[in-house]
């Protein structure tokens, strides 16, 4: 490779690296951003330069990033399920910035297709590797000390999931507990983050006049949803990790519903049922925990993409 070509290759790598750094939020790069980078580079493989109007809609969306996204990802051996239940608004903004940093392809437009493609393919390999690493993440494999309490076991699960879950583990753990406890009822199963969008649902789970809200980090928004439940004649129950209980109570006081809202630590909520079911069915506590985690894994697999959040307890 000539010095000129090597310089262009290095500059292109630097552009991608700088872009990835600029897209890192809270120490993570979203799946949407990785996918959008693939779409942008795929566009440049087909044509350079690219007039902005050809690849960005009037609404600011990168063309091919919705209807054609699955096909583009599968071209690079990334399953379409990679982006299941993930919004793409931020991704479009990230994609435009990557186009801009390549000056809409003008930086490499003077190269022939044969010269340009290996450089772009190298950039794609970086992004594909990130997607593949995400898809191959290990399950939550936990060694449980049988001498400890069921509440401690649940805390171990929640604590190990904290930096990966984003509330997904917490919601499906509660759903699994409810399904195990109320065998004659159908416990709804929704993607965890569907509750973040505007929906007609009163909460994460509804049983008779009870409405369960599950959150890893209580916010004023979820407390206001609980207030709406109360106005509608329902009884909200807020479930959150034990270390977040005080925060939830302060927010409930601020909203003026602390006397009407039941707040329970997620650990105690699940643990109490483990104990009760074990006594009722003459089983040991750990066996009931395993049954709940098996139901959890089934429910997770039905509606979520990140199956690395499946739980194995030993």
Foldseek 3Di string as FASTA:
>chain_A
DDPVLVVLLVLLVVLLVVLQVVQQDPNHHDLLQLLLLLVLLVVLLVDPQDPPPVQAPPVQAGPCSPPNSQVSCVVVPQHPLLCAPHDRPVNSVSNVVSCVSCPSRPSPRVDDSVSPVVSSVVSNVVSVVVSVCQLPAAAAEAEDDLVDAQLVVVVVLCVSCVVPQQQQLQLLLVLLLVCVVCVVDDWDFARRCVVVDDDPDLESTDDPLEHEHEHQADDLVVLVSQVVSVVVVGQYEYEYAPVRQVVNLVSNVVVPCNVRHHYDYSSCVSRVSLVVVCVVVVHRSVVSVVSSLVSSLVSCVVYHSRSSHRYHYD
